[in-house]
Amino acid sequence: MKIGVIISTYNNPRWLEKTLWGYACQSVKEFELIIADDGSGEETKNLIANFQKNVFPAIKHIWHKDEGFRKCTILNKAIVCAESEYLIFTDQDCIPRKDFIETHQKFAESGYFLSGGYFRLNMEISLAITKDDIFNQNAFQIKWLKKKGLKNSFKNTKLLDSPKFSSIMNFITPTKATWNGMNSSGWKTDFLKINGFNETMLYGGEDREFGERLFNLGIRSKQIRYSAICLHLDHPRPYKNAGAIRKNLAIRRETRRNKVVRTDNGIVGG
């Protein structure tokens, strides 16, 4: 199975660099890497070019002009560009643990998509993480994170590297296995059947709507939030607005009510 990773990004090269170092030390070495860039500037372009030269020669940088939040559009372009049959979707601010791709590959199954989660960090810890901390995996160790200021919480158990514990927690967690854009995966053929992401949607639930159409197609979900681990770096969300969220909620209600499978505003017709 050829596996690909699609990373969405927009003008945050500092976080993107940390995330790319996470993919440079994966246990799985053969994978396609695609950057879905929603109009970033020269600093991001130069960063990616440097990784192309020194780390990932085959990295694909899919870019379009900055015309506001058009994440769904650039993700659709990345899906079309992908040569892999199985695709992991994530964001510029999510550093993967070394077994991240291996875990998605292990649990991949026809007729399913995988739903992962993330471990949220505050800004102080996000800034403190270095390339070395990623390569030696210190950044994923609870003891190391506590030294950097991480507070005690049951959520910290998400970082325990125990397949048995992770399996139990995946089973008992009350969190629904929905499509989460920072950590989900599935089959390209299924994404093409639903015509990709709805390009009329802005920030707020656009990923969930994509997953809801996969459900309507007959695809089921599998929970791996305690198995496929990524660290979520802190950041503001200036693109968030109440009007867009209301519009997206209305689209999602329509998708559920009418069992919509294929959007008219996606890869074809978007």
C-alpha atoms as a PDB file:
ATOM      1  CA  MET A   1       0.000   0.000   0.000  1.00  0.00           C
ATOM      2  CA  LYS A   2       1.459   3.345  -1.045  1.00  0.00           C
ATOM      3  CA  ILE A   3       0.779   5.918   1.647  1.00  0.00           C
ATOM      4  CA  GLY A   4       0.789   9.710   1.394  1.00  0.00           C
ATOM      5  CA  VAL A   5       0.699  12.565   3.896  1.00  0.00           C
ATOM      6  CA  ILE A   6      -1.067  15.842   3.107  1.00  0.00           C
ATOM      7  CA  ILE A   7      -0.087  18.754   5.381  1.00  0.00           C
ATOM      8  CA  SER A   8      -2.165  21.935   5.159  1.00  0.00           C
ATOM      9  CA  THR A   9      -0.306  25.176   5.826  1.00  0.00           C
ATOM     10  CA  TYR A  10      -0.676  28.936   5.766  1.00  0.00           C
ATOM     11  CA  ASN A  11       2.047  31.432   6.725  1.00  0.00           C
ATOM     12  CA  ASN A  12       3.456  29.656   9.754  1.00  0.00           C
ATOM     13  CA  PRO A  13       6.899  28.388   8.690  1.00  0.00           C
ATOM     14  CA  ARG A  14       8.136  28.171  12.285  1.00  0.00           C
ATOM     15  CA  TRP A  15       5.547  25.545  13.167  1.00  0.00           C
ATOM     16  CA  LEU A  16       5.692  23.876   9.756  1.00  0.00           C
ATOM     17  CA  GLU A  17       9.431  23.319  10.183  1.00  0.00           C
ATOM     18  CA  LYS A  18       8.898  21.475  13.488  1.00  0.00           C
ATOM     19  CA  THR A  19       6.179  19.367  11.882  1.00  0.00           C
ATOM     20  CA  LEU A  20       8.388  18.471   8.912  1.00  0.00           C
ATOM     21  CA  TRP A  21      11.183  17.377  11.270  1.00  0.00           C
ATOM     22  CA  GLY A  22       8.612  15.002  12.754  1.00  0.00           C
ATOM     23  CA  TYR A  23       8.161  13.380   9.353  1.00  0.00           C
ATOM     24  CA  ALA A  24      11.917  13.228   8.830  1.00  0.00           C
ATOM     25  CA  CYS A  25      12.258  10.736  11.693  1.00  0.00           C
ATOM     26  CA  GLN A  26       9.315   8.406  10.978  1.00  0.00           C
ATOM     27  CA  SER A  27       9.735   4.646  11.404  1.00  0.00           C
ATOM     28  CA  VAL A  28       8.176   4.274   7.928  1.00  0.00           C
ATOM     29  CA  LYS A  29      10.632   5.749   5.440  1.00  0.00           C
ATOM     30  CA  GLU A  30       8.772   5.359   2.153  1.00  0.00           C
ATOM     31  CA  PHE A  31       5.831   7.756   1.859  1.00  0.00           C
ATOM     32  CA  GLU A  32       4.603  10.579  -0.340  1.00  0.00           C
ATOM     33  CA  LEU A  33       4.684  14.045   1.248  1.00  0.00           C
ATOM     34  CA  ILE A  34       2.461  16.849  -0.031  1.00  0.00           C
ATOM     35  CA  ILE A  35       2.217  20.401   1.355  1.00  0.00           C
ATOM     36  CA  ALA A  36      -1.207  21.927   0.677  1.00  0.00           C
ATOM     37  CA  ASP A  37      -0.402  25.645   0.911  1.00  0.00           C
ATOM     38  CA  ASP A  38      -3.312  28.103   1.127  1.00  0.00           C
ATOM     39  CA  GLY A  39      -1.310  31.067  -0.189  1.00  0.00           C
ATOM     40  CA  SER A  40       1.734  31.400   2.092  1.00  0.00           C
ATOM     41  CA  GLY A  41       4.538  33.851   1.334  1.00  0.00           C
ATOM     42  CA  GLU A  42       8.218  33.556   0.485  1.00  0.00           C
ATOM     43  CA  GLU A  43       9.383  32.382   3.922  1.00  0.00           C
ATOM     44  CA  THR A  44       7.281  29.218   3.672  1.00  0.00           C
ATOM     45  CA  LYS A  45       8.338  28.693   0.059  1.00  0.00           C
ATOM     46  CA  ASN A  46      12.010  28.932   1.034  1.00  0.00           C
ATOM     47  CA  LEU A  47      11.563  26.578   3.978  1.00  0.00           C
ATOM     48  CA  ILE A  48       9.964  23.922   1.771  1.00  0.00           C
ATOM     49  CA  ALA A  49      12.659  24.385  -0.880  1.00  0.00           C
ATOM     50  CA  ASN A  50      15.302  23.792   1.797  1.00  0.00           C
ATOM     51  CA  PHE A  51      13.604  20.560   2.864  1.00  0.00           C
ATOM     52  CA  GLN A  52      13.376  19.524  -0.793  1.00  0.00           C
ATOM     53  CA  LYS A  53      17.116  20.071  -1.174  1.00  0.00           C
ATOM     54  CA  ASN A  54      18.288  18.453   2.067  1.00  0.00           C
ATOM     55  CA  VAL A  55      15.622  16.115   3.478  1.00  0.00           C
ATOM     56  CA  PHE A  56      12.661  15.273   1.219  1.00  0.00           C
ATOM     57  CA  PRO A  57      13.706  15.559  -2.456  1.00  0.00           C
ATOM     58  CA  ALA A  58      10.297  14.419  -3.691  1.00  0.00           C
ATOM     59  CA  ILE A  59       8.183  16.706  -1.496  1.00  0.00           C
ATOM     60  CA  LYS A  60       5.306  18.297  -3.445  1.00  0.00           C
ATOM     61  CA  HIS A  61       4.393  21.919  -2.741  1.00  0.00           C
ATOM     62  CA  ILE A  62       0.832  22.612  -3.928  1.00  0.00           C
ATOM     63  CA  TRP A  63       0.183  26.371  -3.712  1.00  0.00           C
ATOM     64  CA  HIS A  64      -2.432  28.852  -4.799  1.00  0.00           C
ATOM     65  CA  LYS A  65      -2.788  32.619  -4.411  1.00  0.00           C
ATOM     66  CA  ASP A  66      -3.914  33.985  -1.052  1.00  0.00           C
ATOM     67  CA  GLU A  67      -7.571  34.960  -1.478  1.00  0.00           C
ATOM     68  CA  GLY A  68      -8.712  34.354   2.082  1.00  0.00           C
ATOM     69  CA  PHE A  69      -9.430  31.034   3.794  1.00  0.00           C
ATOM     70  CA  ARG A  70      -9.548  28.461   0.986  1.00  0.00           C
ATOM     71  CA  LYS A  71      -8.249  25.405   2.797  1.00  0.00           C
ATOM     72  CA  CYS A  72     -10.865  23.124   1.232  1.00  0.00           C
ATOM     73  CA  THR A  73      -9.809  24.176  -2.258  1.00  0.00           C
ATOM     74  CA  ILE A  74      -6.093  23.552  -1.714  1.00  0.00           C
ATOM     75  CA  LEU A  75      -6.813  20.202  -0.047  1.00  0.00           C
ATOM     76  CA  ASN A  76      -8.799  19.143  -3.103  1.00  0.00           C
ATOM     77  CA  LYS A  77      -5.861  20.094  -5.325  1.00  0.00           C
ATOM     78  CA  ALA A  78      -3.593  18.005  -3.106  1.00  0.00           C
ATOM     79  CA  ILE A  79      -5.931  14.987  -3.322  1.00  0.00           C
ATOM     80  CA  VAL A  80      -5.861  15.166  -7.128  1.00  0.00           C
ATOM     81  CA  CYS A  81      -2.068  15.529  -7.106  1.00  0.00           C
ATOM     82  CA  ALA A  82      -1.528  12.573  -4.753  1.00  0.00           C
ATOM     83  CA  GLU A  83      -0.199   9.386  -6.319  1.00  0.00           C
ATOM     84  CA  SER A  84      -0.777   7.311  -3.178  1.00  0.00           C
ATOM     85  CA  GLU A  85      -3.831   5.115  -2.693  1.00  0.00           C
ATOM     86  CA  TYR A  86      -4.045   5.865   1.034  1.00  0.00           C
ATOM     87  CA  LEU A  87      -3.817   9.422   2.439  1.00  0.00           C
ATOM     88  CA  ILE A  88      -3.196  10.875   5.901  1.00  0.00           C
ATOM     89  CA  PHE A  89      -4.411  14.445   6.479  1.00  0.00           C
ATOM     90  CA  THR A  90      -2.801  16.722   9.048  1.00  0.00           C
ATOM     91  CA  ASP A  91      -1.874  20.364   9.695  1.00  0.00           C
ATOM     92  CA  GLN A  92       1.251  22.523   9.877  1.00  0.00           C
ATOM     93  CA  ASP A  93       1.038  22.669  13.678  1.00  0.00           C
ATOM     94  CA  CYS A  94       0.913  18.928  14.426  1.00  0.00           C
ATOM     95  CA  ILE A  95       4.250  17.226  15.129  1.00  0.00           C
ATOM     96  CA  PRO A  96       3.888  13.460  14.590  1.00  0.00           C
ATOM     97  CA  ARG A  97       5.420  10.865  16.891  1.00  0.00           C
ATOM     98  CA  LYS A  98       7.898   8.582  15.115  1.00  0.00           C
ATOM     99  CA  ASP A  99       5.280   5.799  14.739  1.00  0.00           C
ATOM    100  CA  PHE A 100       2.555   8.110  13.376  1.00  0.00           C
ATOM    101  CA  ILE A 101       2.561   6.880   9.765  1.00  0.00           C
ATOM    102  CA  GLU A 102       3.210   3.307  10.885  1.00  0.00           C
ATOM    103  CA  THR A 103       0.105   3.447  13.095  1.00  0.00           C
ATOM    104  CA  HIS A 104      -2.158   4.761  10.334  1.00  0.00           C
ATOM    105  CA  GLN A 105      -0.769   2.114   8.003  1.00  0.00           C
ATOM    106  CA  LYS A 106      -1.354  -0.622  10.593  1.00  0.00           C
ATOM    107  CA  PHE A 107      -5.027   0.224  11.181  1.00  0.00           C
ATOM    108  CA  ALA A 108      -5.976   1.094   7.576  1.00  0.00           C
ATOM    109  CA  GLU A 109      -8.859  -1.040   6.329  1.00  0.00           C
ATOM    110  CA  SER A 110     -11.085  -1.015   3.279  1.00  0.00           C
ATOM    111  CA  GLY A 111     -14.493   0.500   4.037  1.00  0.00           C
ATOM    112  CA  TYR A 112     -13.152   2.636   6.921  1.00  0.00           C
ATOM    113  CA  PHE A 113     -11.463   5.927   7.640  1.00  0.00           C
ATOM    114  CA  LEU A 114      -9.289   6.443  10.717  1.00  0.00           C
ATOM    115  CA  SER A 115      -9.962   9.160  13.294  1.00  0.00           C
ATOM    116  CA  GLY A 116      -7.011  10.340  15.365  1.00  0.00           C
ATOM    117  CA  GLY A 117      -6.626  13.132  17.882  1.00  0.00           C
ATOM    118  CA  TYR A 118      -3.920  15.433  19.163  1.00  0.00           C
ATOM    119  CA  PHE A 119      -2.156  16.441  22.361  1.00  0.00           C
ATOM    120  CA  ARG A 120      -2.501  20.186  22.854  1.00  0.00           C
ATOM    121  CA  LEU A 121       0.510  22.183  24.075  1.00  0.00           C
ATOM    122  CA  ASN A 122       0.641  25.729  25.394  1.00  0.00           C
ATOM    123  CA  MET A 123       2.665  28.424  23.647  1.00  0.00           C
ATOM    124  CA  GLU A 124       5.630  28.227  26.028  1.00  0.00           C
ATOM    125  CA  ILE A 125       6.173  24.509  25.396  1.00  0.00           C
ATOM    126  CA  SER A 126       5.432  24.885  21.681  1.00  0.00           C
ATOM    127  CA  LEU A 127       8.239  27.421  21.371  1.00  0.00           C
ATOM    128  CA  ALA A 128      10.632  25.356  23.495  1.00  0.00           C
ATOM    129  CA  ILE A 129      10.560  22.235  21.295  1.00  0.00           C
ATOM    130  CA  THR A 130      13.657  21.920  19.122  1.00  0.00           C
ATOM    131  CA  LYS A 131      14.685  19.699  16.239  1.00  0.00           C
ATOM    132  CA  ASP A 132      16.701  17.549  18.653  1.00  0.00           C
ATOM    133  CA  ASP A 133      13.700  17.182  20.980  1.00  0.00           C
ATOM    134  CA  ILE A 134      11.730  15.825  18.031  1.00  0.00           C
ATOM    135  CA  PHE A 135      14.432  13.456  16.780  1.00  0.00           C
ATOM    136  CA  ASN A 136      15.175  11.988  20.212  1.00  0.00           C
ATOM    137  CA  GLN A 137      11.409  11.952  20.948  1.00  0.00           C
ATOM    138  CA  ASN A 138      11.810  13.874  24.232  1.00  0.00           C
ATOM    139  CA  ALA A 139       8.932  16.090  23.126  1.00  0.00           C
ATOM    140  CA  PHE A 140       6.592  13.081  23.436  1.00  0.00           C
ATOM    141  CA  GLN A 141       7.742  12.140  26.954  1.00  0.00           C
ATOM    142  CA  ILE A 142       5.502  13.240  29.828  1.00  0.00           C
ATOM    143  CA  LYS A 143       8.484  13.645  32.172  1.00  0.00           C
ATOM    144  CA  TRP A 144      10.247  15.998  29.736  1.00  0.00           C
ATOM    145  CA  LEU A 145       7.070  17.999  29.070  1.00  0.00           C
ATOM    146  CA  LYS A 146       6.472  18.439  32.811  1.00  0.00           C
ATOM    147  CA  LYS A 147       9.931  19.934  33.145  1.00  0.00           C
ATOM    148  CA  LYS A 148       8.822  22.454  30.524  1.00  0.00           C
ATOM    149  CA  GLY A 149       5.690  23.324  32.475  1.00  0.00           C
ATOM    150  CA  LEU A 150       3.091  20.711  31.480  1.00  0.00           C
ATOM    151  CA  LYS A 151       0.444  20.416  34.207  1.00  0.00           C
ATOM    152  CA  ASN A 152      -0.902  17.155  35.597  1.00  0.00           C
ATOM    153  CA  SER A 153      -3.977  15.942  33.737  1.00  0.00           C
ATOM    154  CA  PHE A 154      -5.643  12.681  32.809  1.00  0.00           C
ATOM    155  CA  LYS A 155      -5.180  13.798  29.200  1.00  0.00           C
ATOM    156  CA  ASN A 156      -1.446  13.190  29.647  1.00  0.00           C
ATOM    157  CA  THR A 157      -2.161   9.450  29.448  1.00  0.00           C
ATOM    158  CA  LYS A 158      -2.601   9.949  25.712  1.00  0.00           C
ATOM    159  CA  LEU A 159       1.197  10.061  25.457  1.00  0.00           C
ATOM    160  CA  LEU A 160       1.753   6.699  27.145  1.00  0.00           C
ATOM    161  CA  ASP A 161       3.492   4.462  24.619  1.00  0.00           C
ATOM    162  CA  SER A 162       1.565   1.275  25.414  1.00  0.00           C
ATOM    163  CA  PRO A 163      -0.342  -0.505  22.606  1.00  0.00           C
ATOM    164  CA  LYS A 164      -2.517  -2.386  25.102  1.00  0.00           C
ATOM    165  CA  PHE A 165      -3.477   0.770  27.020  1.00  0.00           C
ATOM    166  CA  SER A 166      -4.053   2.681  23.770  1.00  0.00           C
ATOM    167  CA  SER A 167      -6.339  -0.073  22.465  1.00  0.00           C
ATOM    168  CA  ILE A 168      -8.442   0.000  25.646  1.00  0.00           C
ATOM    169  CA  MET A 169      -8.688   3.800  25.622  1.00  0.00           C
ATOM    170  CA  ASN A 170      -9.612   3.897  21.925  1.00  0.00           C
ATOM    171  CA  PHE A 171     -12.463   1.518  22.752  1.00  0.00           C
ATOM    172  CA  ILE A 172     -13.830   3.254  25.868  1.00  0.00           C
ATOM    173  CA  THR A 173     -13.331   6.927  24.951  1.00  0.00           C
ATOM    174  CA  PRO A 174     -16.674   8.764  24.638  1.00  0.00           C
ATOM    175  CA  THR A 175     -15.255  10.945  21.853  1.00  0.00           C
ATOM    176  CA  LYS A 176     -16.844  10.071  18.508  1.00  0.00           C
ATOM    177  CA  ALA A 177     -14.603   8.838  15.710  1.00  0.00           C
ATOM    178  CA  THR A 178     -15.219  11.737  13.327  1.00  0.00           C
ATOM    179  CA  TRP A 179     -13.053  13.096  10.526  1.00  0.00           C
ATOM    180  CA  ASN A 180     -10.536  15.445  12.160  1.00  0.00           C
ATOM    181  CA  GLY A 181      -8.381  17.415   9.753  1.00  0.00           C
ATOM    182  CA  MET A 182      -5.298  17.367  11.951  1.00  0.00           C
ATOM    183  CA  ASN A 183      -5.133  13.566  12.204  1.00  0.00           C
ATOM    184  CA  SER A 184      -7.311  11.380   9.962  1.00  0.00           C
ATOM    185  CA  SER A 185      -6.736   9.064   7.037  1.00  0.00           C
ATOM    186  CA  GLY A 186      -8.545   7.090   4.389  1.00  0.00           C
ATOM    187  CA  TRP A 187      -8.640   5.885   0.803  1.00  0.00           C
ATOM    188  CA  LYS A 188      -8.247   8.272  -2.125  1.00  0.00           C
ATOM    189  CA  THR A 189     -10.920   6.397  -4.085  1.00  0.00           C
ATOM    190  CA  ASP A 190     -13.449   7.178  -1.321  1.00  0.00           C
ATOM    191  CA  PHE A 191     -12.481  10.870  -1.341  1.00  0.00           C
ATOM    192  CA  LEU A 192     -13.009  11.043  -5.090  1.00  0.00           C
ATOM    193  CA  LYS A 193     -16.435   9.412  -4.755  1.00  0.00           C
ATOM    194  CA  ILE A 194     -17.632  12.210  -2.460  1.00  0.00           C
ATOM    195  CA  ASN A 195     -15.921  14.827  -4.702  1.00  0.00           C
ATOM    196  CA  GLY A 196     -13.518  15.942  -1.993  1.00  0.00           C
ATOM    197  CA  PHE A 197     -14.065  18.863   0.358  1.00  0.00           C
ATOM    198  CA  ASN A 198     -16.900  21.364  -0.046  1.00  0.00           C
ATOM    199  CA  GLU A 199     -15.094  24.473  -1.293  1.00  0.00           C
ATOM    200  CA  THR A 200     -17.888  26.854  -0.235  1.00  0.00           C
ATOM    201  CA  MET A 201     -17.071  26.150   3.418  1.00  0.00           C
ATOM    202  CA  LEU A 202     -14.742  28.377   5.443  1.00  0.00           C
ATOM    203  CA  TYR A 203     -13.235  27.640   8.871  1.00  0.00           C
ATOM    204  CA  GLY A 204     -15.369  25.721  11.344  1.00  0.00           C
ATOM    205  CA  GLY A 205     -16.620  22.190  10.769  1.00  0.00           C
ATOM    206  CA  GLU A 206     -15.488  21.803   7.160  1.00  0.00           C
ATOM    207  CA  ASP A 207     -13.556  18.656   8.111  1.00  0.00           C
ATOM    208  CA  ARG A 208     -16.536  17.175   9.933  1.00  0.00           C
ATOM    209  CA  GLU A 209     -18.775  17.740   6.901  1.00  0.00           C
ATOM    210  CA  PHE A 210     -16.261  15.856   4.754  1.00  0.00           C
ATOM    211  CA  GLY A 211     -16.466  12.943   7.194  1.00  0.00           C
ATOM    212  CA  GLU A 212     -20.252  13.074   7.320  1.00  0.00           C
ATOM    213  CA  ARG A 213     -20.387  12.553   3.558  1.00  0.00           C
ATOM    214  CA  LEU A 214     -18.022   9.607   3.928  1.00  0.00           C
ATOM    215  CA  PHE A 215     -20.503   8.167   6.441  1.00  0.00           C
ATOM    216  CA  ASN A 216     -23.322   8.756   3.942  1.00  0.00           C
ATOM    217  CA  LEU A 217     -21.274   6.871   1.351  1.00  0.00           C
ATOM    218  CA  GLY A 218     -21.253   3.887   3.692  1.00  0.00           C
ATOM    219  CA  ILE A 219     -17.721   4.330   5.015  1.00  0.00           C
ATOM    220  CA  ARG A 220     -17.343   3.620   8.730  1.00  0.00           C
ATOM    221  CA  SER A 221     -14.832   5.148  11.139  1.00  0.00           C
ATOM    222  CA  LYS A 222     -12.236   3.620  13.419  1.00  0.00           C
ATOM    223  CA  GLN A 223     -10.966   5.339  16.573  1.00  0.00           C
ATOM    224  CA  ILE A 224      -7.173   5.695  16.938  1.00  0.00           C
ATOM    225  CA  ARG A 225      -6.890   8.881  19.021  1.00  0.00           C
ATOM    226  CA  TYR A 226      -4.748   7.110  21.658  1.00  0.00           C
ATOM    227  CA  SER A 227      -2.580   5.329  19.081  1.00  0.00           C
ATOM    228  CA  ALA A 228      -1.697   7.867  16.365  1.00  0.00           C
ATOM    229  CA  ILE A 229      -0.046  10.626  18.387  1.00  0.00           C
ATOM    230  CA  CYS A 230       0.752  14.166  17.321  1.00  0.00           C
ATOM    231  CA  LEU A 231       1.587  17.266  19.363  1.00  0.00           C
ATOM    232  CA  HIS A 232      -0.586  20.285  18.604  1.00  0.00           C
ATOM    233  CA  LEU A 233       1.396  23.523  18.755  1.00  0.00           C
ATOM    234  CA  ASP A 234      -0.396  26.572  20.084  1.00  0.00           C
ATOM    235  CA  HIS A 235      -1.486  29.376  17.734  1.00  0.00           C
ATOM    236  CA  PRO A 236      -4.159  32.087  17.286  1.00  0.00           C
ATOM    237  CA  ARG A 237      -7.069  31.673  14.838  1.00  0.00           C
ATOM    238  CA  PRO A 238      -7.635  35.042  13.147  1.00  0.00           C
ATOM    239  CA  TYR A 239      -9.624  33.373  10.353  1.00  0.00           C
ATOM    240  CA  LYS A 240     -12.363  32.244  12.756  1.00  0.00           C
ATOM    241  CA  ASN A 241     -15.649  34.148  12.479  1.00  0.00           C
ATOM    242  CA  ALA A 242     -19.182  33.514  13.668  1.00  0.00           C
ATOM    243  CA  GLY A 243     -20.833  34.082  10.281  1.00  0.00           C
ATOM    244  CA  ALA A 244     -18.754  31.406   8.556  1.00  0.00           C
ATOM    245  CA  ILE A 245     -19.413  28.946  11.370  1.00  0.00           C
ATOM    246  CA  ARG A 246     -23.194  29.506  11.095  1.00  0.00           C
ATOM    247  CA  LYS A 247     -23.015  28.948   7.335  1.00  0.00           C
ATOM    248  CA  ASN A 248     -21.003  25.770   7.799  1.00  0.00           C
ATOM    249  CA  LEU A 249     -23.438  24.439  10.407  1.00  0.00           C
ATOM    250  CA  ALA A 250     -26.305  24.957   7.943  1.00  0.00           C
ATOM    251  CA  ILE A 251     -24.395  23.023   5.252  1.00  0.00           C
ATOM    252  CA  ARG A 252     -23.702  20.198   7.706  1.00  0.00           C
ATOM    253  CA  ARG A 253     -27.392  19.997   8.667  1.00  0.00           C
ATOM    254  CA  GLU A 254     -28.273  19.738   4.979  1.00  0.00           C
ATOM    255  CA  THR A 255     -25.636  17.019   4.488  1.00  0.00           C
ATOM    256  CA  ARG A 256     -27.063  14.947   7.344  1.00  0.00           C
ATOM    257  CA  ARG A 257     -30.737  15.582   6.562  1.00  0.00           C
ATOM    258  CA  ASN A 258     -30.494  14.706   2.869  1.00  0.00           C
ATOM    259  CA  LYS A 259     -27.767  12.054   3.206  1.00  0.00           C
ATOM    260  CA  VAL A 260     -25.578  14.016   0.785  1.00  0.00           C
ATOM    261  CA  VAL A 261     -22.665  11.961  -0.530  1.00  0.00           C
ATOM    262  CA  ARG A 262     -21.199  14.072  -3.313  1.00  0.00           C
ATOM    263  CA  THR A 263     -20.758  17.837  -2.987  1.00  0.00           C
ATOM    264  CA  ASP A 264     -21.437  19.975  -6.057  1.00  0.00           C
ATOM    265  CA  ASN A 265     -18.643  22.326  -4.999  1.00  0.00           C
ATOM    266  CA  GLY A 266     -15.662  20.020  -4.736  1.00  0.00           C
ATOM    267  CA  ILE A 267     -12.893  18.615  -6.905  1.00  0.00           C
ATOM    268  CA  VAL A 268     -15.206  18.664  -9.904  1.00  0.00           C
ATOM    269  CA  GLY A 269     -17.371  21.777 -10.199  1.00  0.00           C
ATOM    270  CA  GLY A 270     -15.728  23.655  -7.344  1.00  0.00           C
END
